[in-house]
Amino acid sequence: MNAWRQVTRGKVSYFQYSWGNSSAIYSLKNGQDDLIRQFEPVFLKQIHSNIIVDIDVQEERTGDGLISTEKRNIGLKIADCLPVYLFTPQRTCIIHCGWRGIIGGIAKGASNLLKEFHYVLGASIGPCCYEVKHDVVNQFTPDHQNALQQRQGRHYLDLKAAVVNDLGKENLLASLDFCTKCHPEYFYSHRRGDSERNYALIAHNQTVD
């Protein structure tokens, strides 16, 4: 499995994974404003849904996934949830996977739209830190039981395991294996009390060196 790599260009630092003519990008704290100015991605108003917006044909900008056949940069704002980057030779898609979106079927929805694809996982809060209550646990079906862990009577959720279950391990190219809460030197985390957000982008090679 190929690896993400850390990139620093001037004031901007981020993690990058390249696939074909496109790149998955996950921001670091350093130079986020410059990063957005550099790539100028299309963003959504995110609502923890299973809605994926095709920006080539839809004017709607509310949902939790973006898909495009044109060479437009697309992005999400991330607190602790999992960004998933999906690639085909014709289209790219990025989805915001929290527990609500996963239960709602956003990953399976992306799979149905793209049919044949490869995907990359960004950073997210890990099962080391993502404690959930019984009301959340009870909404996961037996298909996702491998994503639930129990330690000392408490329940913890593995977002990546849940998404891999939905998208298939055979299509997975790489995972940025950091917990956003455990690594304040790199990322913002809502569970750690930060109000700022991280950025997950898909950019194309005319804008990525």
N, C-alpha and C. Protein backbone atom coordinates (compact mmCIF):
# COMPACT_ATOMS: atom_id res chain seq x y z
N MET A 1 0.84 -1.19 0.00
CA MET A 1 0.00 0.00 0.00
C MET A 1 0.88 1.25 0.00
N ASN A 2 0.63 2.13 -0.94
CA ASN A 2 1.39 3.37 -1.00
C ASN A 2 1.06 4.26 0.19
N ALA A 3 1.94 5.20 0.47
CA ALA A 3 1.81 6.00 1.69
C ALA A 3 1.49 7.45 1.37
N TRP A 4 0.81 8.10 2.31
CA TRP A 4 0.72 9.55 2.32
C TRP A 4 2.12 10.11 2.57
N ARG A 5 2.36 11.34 2.12
CA ARG A 5 3.61 12.01 2.42
C ARG A 5 3.33 13.44 2.88
N GLN A 6 4.16 13.93 3.76
CA GLN A 6 4.02 15.29 4.24
C GLN A 6 4.74 16.24 3.29
N VAL A 7 4.06 17.31 2.91
CA VAL A 7 4.56 18.28 1.94
C VAL A 7 4.62 19.65 2.61
N THR A 8 5.69 20.38 2.39
CA THR A 8 5.80 21.76 2.85
C THR A 8 6.23 22.63 1.68
N ARG A 9 5.42 23.63 1.37
CA ARG A 9 5.74 24.57 0.31
C ARG A 9 5.54 25.98 0.86
N GLY A 10 6.64 26.65 1.17
CA GLY A 10 6.54 27.97 1.76
C GLY A 10 5.86 27.92 3.11
N LYS A 11 4.76 28.65 3.26
CA LYS A 11 4.03 28.70 4.52
C LYS A 11 3.03 27.56 4.69
N VAL A 12 2.87 26.76 3.65
CA VAL A 12 1.81 25.76 3.64
C VAL A 12 2.39 24.37 3.86
N SER A 13 1.79 23.63 4.81
CA SER A 13 2.15 22.23 5.04
C SER A 13 0.88 21.39 5.01
N TYR A 14 0.98 20.20 4.41
CA TYR A 14 -0.16 19.30 4.36
C TYR A 14 0.31 17.89 4.04
N PHE A 15 -0.57 16.92 4.26
CA PHE A 15 -0.34 15.56 3.83
C PHE A 15 -0.95 15.38 2.44
N GLN A 16 -0.27 14.60 1.60
CA GLN A 16 -0.72 14.42 0.22
C GLN A 16 -0.58 12.96 -0.20
N TYR A 17 -1.58 12.49 -0.93
CA TYR A 17 -1.51 11.19 -1.58
C TYR A 17 -1.90 11.39 -3.04
N SER A 18 -1.05 10.99 -3.97
CA SER A 18 -1.30 11.20 -5.39
C SER A 18 -1.80 9.93 -6.04
N TRP A 19 -2.81 10.09 -6.90
CA TRP A 19 -3.36 8.99 -7.67
C TRP A 19 -3.68 9.51 -9.07
N GLY A 20 -3.01 8.98 -10.07
CA GLY A 20 -3.23 9.45 -11.43
C GLY A 20 -2.96 10.95 -11.53
N ASN A 21 -3.93 11.67 -12.06
CA ASN A 21 -3.80 13.12 -12.22
C ASN A 21 -4.38 13.91 -11.06
N SER A 22 -4.73 13.23 -9.97
CA SER A 22 -5.37 13.89 -8.83
C SER A 22 -4.60 13.62 -7.55
N SER A 23 -4.85 14.45 -6.54
CA SER A 23 -4.21 14.27 -5.25
C SER A 23 -5.21 14.45 -4.13
N ALA A 24 -5.15 13.55 -3.15
CA ALA A 24 -5.86 13.74 -1.89
C ALA A 24 -4.98 14.58 -0.97
N ILE A 25 -5.59 15.56 -0.32
CA ILE A 25 -4.85 16.47 0.56
C ILE A 25 -5.56 16.54 1.90
N TYR A 26 -4.78 16.47 2.98
CA TYR A 26 -5.31 16.68 4.33
C TYR A 26 -4.44 17.75 4.98
N SER A 27 -5.07 18.82 5.44
CA SER A 27 -4.34 19.98 5.92
C SER A 27 -3.66 19.74 7.26
N LEU A 28 -2.61 20.47 7.49
CA LEU A 28 -2.00 20.63 8.80
C LEU A 28 -2.34 22.03 9.31
N LYS A 29 -2.10 22.28 10.58
CA LYS A 29 -2.42 23.57 11.15
C LYS A 29 -1.67 24.72 10.46
N ASN A 30 -0.45 24.42 10.01
CA ASN A 30 0.41 25.45 9.45
C ASN A 30 -0.07 25.90 8.08
N GLY A 31 -0.49 27.16 7.96
CA GLY A 31 -0.79 27.74 6.66
C GLY A 31 -2.11 27.32 6.04
N GLN A 32 -3.12 27.04 6.85
CA GLN A 32 -4.39 26.60 6.29
C GLN A 32 -5.02 27.63 5.36
N ASP A 33 -4.98 28.90 5.75
CA ASP A 33 -5.58 29.94 4.90
C ASP A 33 -4.88 30.00 3.55
N ASP A 34 -3.57 29.87 3.56
CA ASP A 34 -2.81 29.87 2.31
C ASP A 34 -3.15 28.64 1.46
N LEU A 35 -3.39 27.52 2.13
CA LEU A 35 -3.77 26.31 1.42
C LEU A 35 -5.07 26.51 0.65
N ILE A 36 -6.06 27.10 1.29
CA ILE A 36 -7.35 27.31 0.64
C ILE A 36 -7.21 28.33 -0.49
N ARG A 37 -6.42 29.36 -0.29
CA ARG A 37 -6.20 30.32 -1.37
C ARG A 37 -5.50 29.68 -2.56
N GLN A 38 -4.61 28.73 -2.27
CA GLN A 38 -3.87 28.08 -3.35
C GLN A 38 -4.76 27.19 -4.20
N PHE A 39 -5.62 26.39 -3.56
CA PHE A 39 -6.38 25.39 -4.30
C PHE A 39 -7.81 25.82 -4.64
N GLU A 40 -8.37 26.79 -3.92
CA GLU A 40 -9.70 27.33 -4.19
C GLU A 40 -10.74 26.22 -4.42
N PRO A 41 -10.93 25.33 -3.45
CA PRO A 41 -11.87 24.22 -3.64
C PRO A 41 -13.32 24.67 -3.51
N VAL A 42 -14.20 23.89 -4.10
CA VAL A 42 -15.63 24.03 -3.87
C VAL A 42 -15.96 23.36 -2.55
N PHE A 43 -16.68 24.07 -1.66
CA PHE A 43 -17.08 23.53 -0.37
C PHE A 43 -18.59 23.38 -0.30
N LEU A 44 -19.04 22.65 0.70
CA LEU A 44 -20.45 22.45 1.01
C LEU A 44 -20.80 23.03 2.37
N LYS A 45 -22.08 23.27 2.58
CA LYS A 45 -22.61 23.40 3.94
C LYS A 45 -22.88 21.98 4.43
N GLN A 46 -22.08 21.50 5.37
CA GLN A 46 -22.16 20.11 5.80
C GLN A 46 -23.17 19.94 6.93
N ILE A 47 -23.95 18.85 6.85
CA ILE A 47 -25.07 18.66 7.78
C ILE A 47 -25.11 17.24 8.36
N HIS A 48 -24.02 16.49 8.28
CA HIS A 48 -23.96 15.11 8.78
C HIS A 48 -25.04 14.25 8.13
N SER A 49 -25.09 14.30 6.80
CA SER A 49 -26.11 13.59 6.03
C SER A 49 -25.47 12.52 5.15
N ASN A 50 -26.29 11.92 4.29
CA ASN A 50 -25.77 11.00 3.28
C ASN A 50 -25.87 11.60 1.88
N ILE A 51 -26.01 12.92 1.79
CA ILE A 51 -26.21 13.60 0.51
C ILE A 51 -24.87 13.85 -0.18
N ILE A 52 -24.78 13.42 -1.43
CA ILE A 52 -23.61 13.65 -2.26
C ILE A 52 -24.03 14.53 -3.43
N VAL A 53 -23.38 15.68 -3.57
CA VAL A 53 -23.75 16.67 -4.58
C VAL A 53 -22.83 16.55 -5.79
N ASP A 54 -23.43 16.41 -6.97
CA ASP A 54 -22.67 16.41 -8.22
C ASP A 54 -22.57 17.86 -8.69
N ILE A 55 -21.41 18.46 -8.50
CA ILE A 55 -21.29 19.90 -8.76
C ILE A 55 -21.26 20.23 -10.25
N ASP A 56 -21.16 19.22 -11.11
CA ASP A 56 -21.21 19.49 -12.54
C ASP A 56 -22.63 19.76 -13.02
N VAL A 57 -23.63 19.23 -12.30
CA VAL A 57 -25.02 19.36 -12.75
C VAL A 57 -25.96 19.93 -11.71
N GLN A 58 -25.51 20.03 -10.45
CA GLN A 58 -26.37 20.52 -9.37
C GLN A 58 -25.86 21.85 -8.82
N GLU A 59 -26.77 22.76 -8.57
CA GLU A 59 -26.41 24.03 -7.94
C GLU A 59 -26.43 23.93 -6.42
N GLU A 60 -27.04 22.89 -5.88
CA GLU A 60 -27.13 22.69 -4.44
C GLU A 60 -25.73 22.60 -3.83
N ARG A 61 -25.57 23.23 -2.66
CA ARG A 61 -24.28 23.19 -1.97
C ARG A 61 -24.46 22.80 -0.51
N THR A 62 -25.46 21.96 -0.24
CA THR A 62 -25.68 21.43 1.10
C THR A 62 -25.62 19.91 1.05
N GLY A 63 -24.83 19.32 1.91
CA GLY A 63 -24.68 17.87 1.93
C GLY A 63 -23.36 17.49 2.56
N ASP A 64 -22.93 16.28 2.33
CA ASP A 64 -21.69 15.80 2.95
C ASP A 64 -20.81 15.02 1.98
N GLY A 65 -21.04 15.22 0.70
CA GLY A 65 -20.18 14.65 -0.31
C GLY A 65 -20.23 15.48 -1.57
N LEU A 66 -19.11 15.48 -2.29
CA LEU A 66 -19.00 16.19 -3.56
C LEU A 66 -18.46 15.23 -4.60
N ILE A 67 -19.01 15.31 -5.81
CA ILE A 67 -18.53 14.49 -6.91
C ILE A 67 -18.43 15.37 -8.14
N SER A 68 -17.41 15.12 -8.96
CA SER A 68 -17.22 15.95 -10.14
C SER A 68 -16.53 15.16 -11.23
N THR A 69 -16.93 15.38 -12.48
CA THR A 69 -16.21 14.84 -13.63
C THR A 69 -15.27 15.88 -14.20
N GLU A 70 -15.50 17.14 -13.89
CA GLU A 70 -14.64 18.20 -14.36
C GLU A 70 -13.42 18.32 -13.44
N LYS A 71 -12.40 19.01 -13.92
CA LYS A 71 -11.18 19.15 -13.12
C LYS A 71 -11.32 20.32 -12.15
N ARG A 72 -12.26 20.18 -11.25
CA ARG A 72 -12.49 21.19 -10.22
C ARG A 72 -12.04 20.64 -8.88
N ASN A 73 -11.38 21.46 -8.10
CA ASN A 73 -10.95 21.04 -6.77
C ASN A 73 -12.14 21.06 -5.82
N ILE A 74 -12.26 20.03 -5.01
CA ILE A 74 -13.40 19.90 -4.11
C ILE A 74 -12.88 19.65 -2.70
N GLY A 75 -13.67 20.07 -1.69
CA GLY A 75 -13.16 19.97 -0.33
C GLY A 75 -14.23 19.87 0.73
N LEU A 76 -13.78 19.47 1.91
CA LEU A 76 -14.62 19.35 3.10
C LEU A 76 -13.92 20.00 4.28
N LYS A 77 -14.70 20.43 5.26
CA LYS A 77 -14.17 20.87 6.54
C LYS A 77 -14.36 19.73 7.53
N ILE A 78 -13.30 19.42 8.28
CA ILE A 78 -13.29 18.23 9.11
C ILE A 78 -12.95 18.60 10.55
N ALA A 79 -13.78 18.13 11.49
CA ALA A 79 -13.48 18.31 12.92
C ALA A 79 -12.75 17.07 13.43
N ASP A 80 -13.46 15.95 13.53
CA ASP A 80 -12.86 14.67 13.89
C ASP A 80 -13.36 13.55 12.99
N CYS A 81 -14.33 13.84 12.15
CA CYS A 81 -14.88 12.81 11.27
C CYS A 81 -13.87 12.39 10.21
N LEU A 82 -14.22 11.39 9.44
CA LEU A 82 -13.31 10.77 8.48
C LEU A 82 -13.60 11.27 7.07
N PRO A 83 -12.62 11.91 6.42
CA PRO A 83 -12.78 12.19 5.00
C PRO A 83 -12.35 10.99 4.17
N VAL A 84 -13.14 10.67 3.16
CA VAL A 84 -12.83 9.57 2.26
C VAL A 84 -12.74 10.14 0.85
N TYR A 85 -11.64 9.83 0.18
CA TYR A 85 -11.36 10.34 -1.16
C TYR A 85 -11.50 9.17 -2.14
N LEU A 86 -12.36 9.33 -3.13
CA LEU A 86 -12.61 8.25 -4.08
C LEU A 86 -12.22 8.70 -5.49
N PHE A 87 -11.60 7.78 -6.24
CA PHE A 87 -11.06 8.12 -7.55
C PHE A 87 -11.46 7.10 -8.61
N THR A 88 -11.83 7.60 -9.78
CA THR A 88 -11.91 6.81 -11.00
C THR A 88 -11.19 7.62 -12.07
N PRO A 89 -10.90 7.03 -13.23
CA PRO A 89 -10.26 7.83 -14.28
C PRO A 89 -11.12 8.99 -14.76
N GLN A 90 -12.44 8.89 -14.57
CA GLN A 90 -13.33 9.94 -15.06
C GLN A 90 -13.82 10.91 -13.98
N ARG A 91 -13.94 10.42 -12.75
CA ARG A 91 -14.57 11.24 -11.72
C ARG A 91 -13.81 11.14 -10.40
N THR A 92 -13.96 12.18 -9.58
CA THR A 92 -13.45 12.15 -8.21
C THR A 92 -14.61 12.48 -7.26
N CYS A 93 -14.49 11.98 -6.05
CA CYS A 93 -15.55 12.18 -5.04
C CYS A 93 -14.90 12.26 -3.68
N ILE A 94 -15.43 13.11 -2.83
CA ILE A 94 -14.96 13.20 -1.45
C ILE A 94 -16.18 13.21 -0.54
N ILE A 95 -16.14 12.40 0.52
CA ILE A 95 -17.28 12.29 1.43
C ILE A 95 -16.84 12.46 2.88
N HIS A 96 -17.76 12.99 3.67
CA HIS A 96 -17.57 13.31 5.09
C HIS A 96 -18.28 12.23 5.90
N CYS A 97 -17.50 11.38 6.57
CA CYS A 97 -18.05 10.20 7.24
C CYS A 97 -17.94 10.32 8.75
N GLY A 98 -19.00 10.77 9.37
CA GLY A 98 -19.20 10.63 10.80
C GLY A 98 -20.13 9.46 11.03
N TRP A 99 -20.50 9.21 12.27
CA TRP A 99 -21.35 8.05 12.52
C TRP A 99 -22.72 8.19 11.87
N ARG A 100 -23.25 9.42 11.82
CA ARG A 100 -24.56 9.61 11.20
C ARG A 100 -24.51 9.32 9.71
N GLY A 101 -23.47 9.83 9.04
CA GLY A 101 -23.35 9.60 7.61
C GLY A 101 -23.14 8.14 7.28
N ILE A 102 -22.34 7.45 8.09
CA ILE A 102 -22.09 6.03 7.85
C ILE A 102 -23.38 5.23 8.01
N ILE A 103 -24.12 5.48 9.08
CA ILE A 103 -25.40 4.80 9.28
C ILE A 103 -26.37 5.14 8.15
N GLY A 104 -26.32 6.39 7.69
CA GLY A 104 -27.19 6.82 6.60
C GLY A 104 -26.79 6.27 5.24
N GLY A 105 -25.62 5.68 5.13
CA GLY A 105 -25.23 5.03 3.89
C GLY A 105 -24.45 5.89 2.92
N ILE A 106 -23.73 6.93 3.41
CA ILE A 106 -23.04 7.81 2.47
C ILE A 106 -21.92 7.08 1.73
N ALA A 107 -21.20 6.19 2.40
CA ALA A 107 -20.13 5.46 1.72
C ALA A 107 -20.71 4.51 0.66
N LYS A 108 -21.75 3.81 1.00
CA LYS A 108 -22.38 2.93 0.03
C LYS A 108 -22.97 3.73 -1.13
N GLY A 109 -23.47 4.94 -0.83
CA GLY A 109 -23.99 5.80 -1.88
C GLY A 109 -22.91 6.21 -2.86
N ALA A 110 -21.74 6.56 -2.34
CA ALA A 110 -20.61 6.91 -3.21
C ALA A 110 -20.21 5.72 -4.06
N SER A 111 -20.18 4.55 -3.47
CA SER A 111 -19.84 3.33 -4.21
C SER A 111 -20.82 3.08 -5.35
N ASN A 112 -22.09 3.28 -5.10
CA ASN A 112 -23.10 3.06 -6.14
C ASN A 112 -22.97 4.09 -7.27
N LEU A 113 -22.58 5.31 -6.94
CA LEU A 113 -22.43 6.34 -7.97
C LEU A 113 -21.21 6.09 -8.86
N LEU A 114 -20.12 5.63 -8.25
CA LEU A 114 -18.87 5.49 -8.99
C LEU A 114 -18.69 4.11 -9.61
N LYS A 115 -19.32 3.10 -9.04
CA LYS A 115 -19.23 1.71 -9.51
C LYS A 115 -17.84 1.12 -9.28
N GLU A 116 -16.88 1.43 -10.13
CA GLU A 116 -15.52 0.92 -9.98
C GLU A 116 -14.62 2.07 -9.58
N PHE A 117 -13.89 1.92 -8.48
CA PHE A 117 -13.14 3.04 -7.93
C PHE A 117 -12.03 2.52 -7.02
N HIS A 118 -11.12 3.42 -6.69
CA HIS A 118 -10.17 3.23 -5.59
C HIS A 118 -10.39 4.35 -4.59
N TYR A 119 -9.97 4.13 -3.36
CA TYR A 119 -10.20 5.18 -2.36
C TYR A 119 -9.07 5.25 -1.36
N VAL A 120 -9.01 6.42 -0.71
CA VAL A 120 -7.99 6.73 0.28
C VAL A 120 -8.70 7.28 1.51
N LEU A 121 -8.21 6.92 2.69
CA LEU A 121 -8.75 7.42 3.95
C LEU A 121 -7.85 8.51 4.51
N GLY A 122 -8.46 9.61 4.96
CA GLY A 122 -7.70 10.65 5.63
C GLY A 122 -7.55 10.36 7.12
N ALA A 123 -7.14 11.36 7.86
CA ALA A 123 -7.06 11.23 9.32
C ALA A 123 -8.44 11.42 9.93
N SER A 124 -8.63 10.87 11.11
CA SER A 124 -9.88 11.06 11.85
C SER A 124 -9.62 10.73 13.31
N ILE A 125 -10.59 11.01 14.15
CA ILE A 125 -10.49 10.52 15.51
C ILE A 125 -10.48 9.00 15.48
N GLY A 126 -9.62 8.39 16.29
CA GLY A 126 -9.48 6.94 16.26
C GLY A 126 -10.27 6.25 17.36
N PRO A 127 -10.37 4.94 17.29
CA PRO A 127 -11.07 4.18 18.33
C PRO A 127 -10.38 4.28 19.69
N CYS A 128 -9.15 4.79 19.70
CA CYS A 128 -8.48 5.07 20.97
C CYS A 128 -9.20 6.14 21.77
N CYS A 129 -9.89 7.06 21.07
CA CYS A 129 -10.46 8.25 21.70
C CYS A 129 -11.95 8.45 21.45
N TYR A 130 -12.51 7.76 20.45
CA TYR A 130 -13.88 8.07 20.03
C TYR A 130 -14.89 7.25 20.83
N GLU A 131 -15.15 7.70 22.05
CA GLU A 131 -16.15 7.04 22.88
C GLU A 131 -17.55 7.45 22.43
N VAL A 132 -18.43 6.48 22.32
CA VAL A 132 -19.82 6.74 21.94
C VAL A 132 -20.75 6.09 22.97
N LYS A 133 -21.96 6.62 23.05
CA LYS A 133 -22.94 6.13 24.01
C LYS A 133 -23.80 5.03 23.38
N HIS A 134 -24.64 4.43 24.22
CA HIS A 134 -25.48 3.32 23.78
C HIS A 134 -26.42 3.73 22.66
N ASP A 135 -26.89 4.99 22.65
CA ASP A 135 -27.82 5.39 21.60
C ASP A 135 -27.16 5.34 20.22
N VAL A 136 -25.86 5.58 20.16
CA VAL A 136 -25.13 5.46 18.90
C VAL A 136 -24.84 3.99 18.60
N VAL A 137 -24.36 3.26 19.58
CA VAL A 137 -24.03 1.85 19.39
C VAL A 137 -25.24 1.09 18.84
N ASN A 138 -26.41 1.38 19.37
CA ASN A 138 -27.61 0.63 19.00
C ASN A 138 -28.06 0.88 17.57
N GLN A 139 -27.53 1.93 16.94
CA GLN A 139 -27.93 2.23 15.56
C GLN A 139 -27.07 1.51 14.52
N PHE A 140 -25.97 0.91 14.95
CA PHE A 140 -25.13 0.18 14.02
C PHE A 140 -25.62 -1.25 13.87
N THR A 141 -25.71 -1.69 12.62
CA THR A 141 -26.19 -3.03 12.31
C THR A 141 -25.08 -4.04 12.54
N PRO A 142 -25.42 -5.33 12.52
CA PRO A 142 -24.37 -6.35 12.66
C PRO A 142 -23.26 -6.23 11.60
N ASP A 143 -23.57 -5.64 10.44
CA ASP A 143 -22.55 -5.47 9.40
C ASP A 143 -21.39 -4.62 9.88
N HIS A 144 -21.65 -3.74 10.85
CA HIS A 144 -20.62 -2.82 11.33
C HIS A 144 -20.09 -3.17 12.72
N GLN A 145 -20.38 -4.35 13.19
CA GLN A 145 -19.97 -4.68 14.55
C GLN A 145 -18.46 -4.69 14.73
N ASN A 146 -17.71 -4.92 13.65
CA ASN A 146 -16.24 -4.90 13.76
C ASN A 146 -15.72 -3.49 14.00
N ALA A 147 -16.57 -2.48 13.81
CA ALA A 147 -16.16 -1.09 14.04
C ALA A 147 -16.40 -0.65 15.47
N LEU A 148 -17.01 -1.48 16.27
CA LEU A 148 -17.31 -1.14 17.66
C LEU A 148 -16.38 -1.90 18.59
N GLN A 149 -15.80 -1.18 19.53
CA GLN A 149 -14.91 -1.78 20.52
C GLN A 149 -15.44 -1.48 21.92
N GLN A 150 -15.19 -2.37 22.84
CA GLN A 150 -15.62 -2.17 24.22
C GLN A 150 -14.42 -2.35 25.14
N ARG A 151 -14.19 -1.35 25.98
CA ARG A 151 -13.10 -1.40 26.95
C ARG A 151 -13.59 -0.86 28.28
N GLN A 152 -13.44 -1.64 29.31
CA GLN A 152 -13.81 -1.23 30.66
C GLN A 152 -15.25 -0.71 30.72
N GLY A 153 -16.13 -1.39 30.01
CA GLY A 153 -17.54 -1.05 30.04
C GLY A 153 -17.92 0.14 29.18
N ARG A 154 -16.97 0.69 28.42
CA ARG A 154 -17.25 1.84 27.55
C ARG A 154 -17.14 1.41 26.09
N HIS A 155 -17.88 2.10 25.22
CA HIS A 155 -17.92 1.76 23.81
C HIS A 155 -17.14 2.79 23.00
N TYR A 156 -16.39 2.30 22.02
CA TYR A 156 -15.57 3.16 21.16
C TYR A 156 -15.82 2.77 19.70
N LEU A 157 -15.81 3.78 18.83
CA LEU A 157 -16.13 3.56 17.42
C LEU A 157 -14.91 3.76 16.54
N ASP A 158 -14.70 2.84 15.62
CA ASP A 158 -13.63 2.92 14.63
C ASP A 158 -14.27 3.31 13.29
N LEU A 159 -14.20 4.60 12.96
CA LEU A 159 -14.82 5.09 11.73
C LEU A 159 -14.22 4.43 10.50
N LYS A 160 -12.91 4.22 10.52
CA LYS A 160 -12.25 3.65 9.34
C LYS A 160 -12.70 2.22 9.10
N ALA A 161 -12.82 1.43 10.15
CA ALA A 161 -13.28 0.05 9.99
C ALA A 161 -14.68 0.01 9.41
N ALA A 162 -15.54 0.94 9.84
CA ALA A 162 -16.91 0.99 9.32
C ALA A 162 -16.93 1.32 7.83
N VAL A 163 -16.10 2.27 7.42
CA VAL A 163 -16.07 2.66 6.01
C VAL A 163 -15.46 1.57 5.14
N VAL A 164 -14.39 0.94 5.62
CA VAL A 164 -13.79 -0.16 4.87
C VAL A 164 -14.80 -1.29 4.68
N ASN A 165 -15.61 -1.52 5.69
CA ASN A 165 -16.67 -2.52 5.57
C ASN A 165 -17.62 -2.18 4.43
N ASP A 166 -17.92 -0.89 4.25
CA ASP A 166 -18.87 -0.47 3.22
C ASP A 166 -18.25 -0.41 1.83
N LEU A 167 -16.97 -0.05 1.75
CA LEU A 167 -16.35 0.18 0.44
C LEU A 167 -15.48 -0.98 -0.03
N GLY A 168 -15.12 -1.88 0.85
CA GLY A 168 -14.31 -3.02 0.47
C GLY A 168 -12.83 -2.77 0.63
N LYS A 169 -12.15 -3.68 1.30
CA LYS A 169 -10.72 -3.52 1.55
C LYS A 169 -9.92 -3.60 0.26
N GLU A 170 -10.42 -4.31 -0.73
CA GLU A 170 -9.67 -4.50 -1.97
C GLU A 170 -9.51 -3.20 -2.76
N ASN A 171 -10.36 -2.22 -2.51
CA ASN A 171 -10.28 -0.94 -3.23
C ASN A 171 -9.47 0.12 -2.49
N LEU A 172 -9.01 -0.20 -1.27
CA LEU A 172 -8.32 0.77 -0.44
C LEU A 172 -6.86 0.92 -0.86
N LEU A 173 -6.45 2.16 -1.11
CA LEU A 173 -5.07 2.44 -1.51
C LEU A 173 -4.18 2.84 -0.34
N ALA A 174 -4.70 3.65 0.58
CA ALA A 174 -3.86 4.16 1.67
C ALA A 174 -4.73 4.76 2.75
N SER A 175 -4.16 4.82 3.95
CA SER A 175 -4.84 5.43 5.09
C SER A 175 -3.86 6.34 5.83
N LEU A 176 -4.30 7.56 6.13
CA LEU A 176 -3.49 8.48 6.92
C LEU A 176 -3.73 8.15 8.39
N ASP A 177 -2.85 7.34 8.95
CA ASP A 177 -3.12 6.71 10.24
C ASP A 177 -2.69 7.58 11.42
N PHE A 178 -3.42 8.69 11.58
CA PHE A 178 -3.27 9.54 12.76
C PHE A 178 -4.64 9.75 13.38
N CYS A 179 -4.68 9.79 14.70
CA CYS A 179 -5.89 10.20 15.41
C CYS A 179 -5.85 11.71 15.58
N THR A 180 -6.89 12.39 15.14
CA THR A 180 -6.90 13.86 15.20
C THR A 180 -6.86 14.36 16.65
N LYS A 181 -7.45 13.63 17.56
CA LYS A 181 -7.42 14.07 18.96
C LYS A 181 -6.05 13.85 19.58
N CYS A 182 -5.37 12.78 19.20
CA CYS A 182 -4.08 12.44 19.80
C CYS A 182 -2.93 13.30 19.30
N HIS A 183 -3.13 14.03 18.20
CA HIS A 183 -2.02 14.74 17.57
C HIS A 183 -2.31 16.23 17.42
N PRO A 184 -2.27 16.97 18.54
CA PRO A 184 -2.50 18.42 18.47
C PRO A 184 -1.40 19.15 17.71
N GLU A 185 -0.24 18.53 17.53
CA GLU A 185 0.83 19.17 16.77
C GLU A 185 0.49 19.25 15.28
N TYR A 186 -0.43 18.43 14.82
CA TYR A 186 -0.81 18.40 13.40
C TYR A 186 -2.20 18.95 13.14
N PHE A 187 -3.18 18.53 13.98
CA PHE A 187 -4.58 18.70 13.62
C PHE A 187 -5.39 19.42 14.70
N TYR A 188 -6.50 20.00 14.26
CA TYR A 188 -7.53 20.47 15.18
C TYR A 188 -8.47 19.30 15.51
N SER A 189 -9.10 19.36 16.69
CA SER A 189 -10.00 18.30 17.10
C SER A 189 -11.14 18.89 17.93
N HIS A 190 -12.36 18.62 17.50
CA HIS A 190 -13.54 19.06 18.25
C HIS A 190 -13.58 18.39 19.62
N ARG A 191 -13.22 17.13 19.68
CA ARG A 191 -13.24 16.40 20.95
C ARG A 191 -12.18 16.93 21.93
N ARG A 192 -11.20 17.62 21.41
CA ARG A 192 -10.19 18.23 22.26
C ARG A 192 -10.57 19.66 22.62
N GLY A 193 -11.68 20.16 22.07
CA GLY A 193 -12.17 21.48 22.40
C GLY A 193 -11.81 22.57 21.41
N ASP A 194 -11.22 22.21 20.26
CA ASP A 194 -10.85 23.21 19.26
C ASP A 194 -12.09 23.66 18.49
N SER A 195 -12.14 24.93 18.15
CA SER A 195 -13.23 25.44 17.32
C SER A 195 -12.85 25.48 15.84
N GLU A 196 -11.55 25.46 15.54
CA GLU A 196 -11.10 25.47 14.15
C GLU A 196 -11.31 24.09 13.53
N ARG A 197 -11.21 24.04 12.19
CA ARG A 197 -11.41 22.81 11.46
C ARG A 197 -10.20 22.48 10.58
N ASN A 198 -10.05 21.21 10.27
CA ASN A 198 -9.08 20.75 9.28
C ASN A 198 -9.76 20.77 7.91
N TYR A 199 -8.95 20.67 6.86
CA TYR A 199 -9.49 20.66 5.51
C TYR A 199 -9.05 19.40 4.78
N ALA A 200 -9.99 18.78 4.08
CA ALA A 200 -9.71 17.65 3.22
C ALA A 200 -10.07 18.05 1.80
N LEU A 201 -9.13 17.90 0.87
CA LEU A 201 -9.33 18.36 -0.50
C LEU A 201 -8.97 17.27 -1.49
N ILE A 202 -9.61 17.30 -2.65
CA ILE A 202 -9.09 16.63 -3.84
C ILE A 202 -8.72 17.71 -4.83
N ALA A 203 -7.46 17.71 -5.21
CA ALA A 203 -6.94 18.70 -6.16
C ALA A 203 -6.37 17.96 -7.36
N HIS A 204 -6.22 18.71 -8.45
CA HIS A 204 -5.78 18.09 -9.70
C HIS A 204 -4.40 18.63 -10.07
N ASN A 205 -3.71 17.90 -10.89
CA ASN A 205 -2.29 18.12 -11.05
C ASN A 205 -1.90 19.45 -11.68
N GLN A 206 -2.86 20.14 -12.29
CA GLN A 206 -2.51 21.46 -12.77
C GLN A 206 -2.30 22.44 -11.61
N THR A 207 -2.75 22.03 -10.38
CA THR A 207 -2.58 22.90 -9.22
C THR A 207 -1.69 22.27 -8.14
N VAL A 208 -1.23 21.05 -8.37
CA VAL A 208 -0.37 20.38 -7.42
C VAL A 208 0.97 20.12 -8.08
N ASP A 209 2.05 20.58 -7.48
CA ASP A 209 3.39 20.35 -8.03
C ASP A 209 3.78 18.89 -7.86
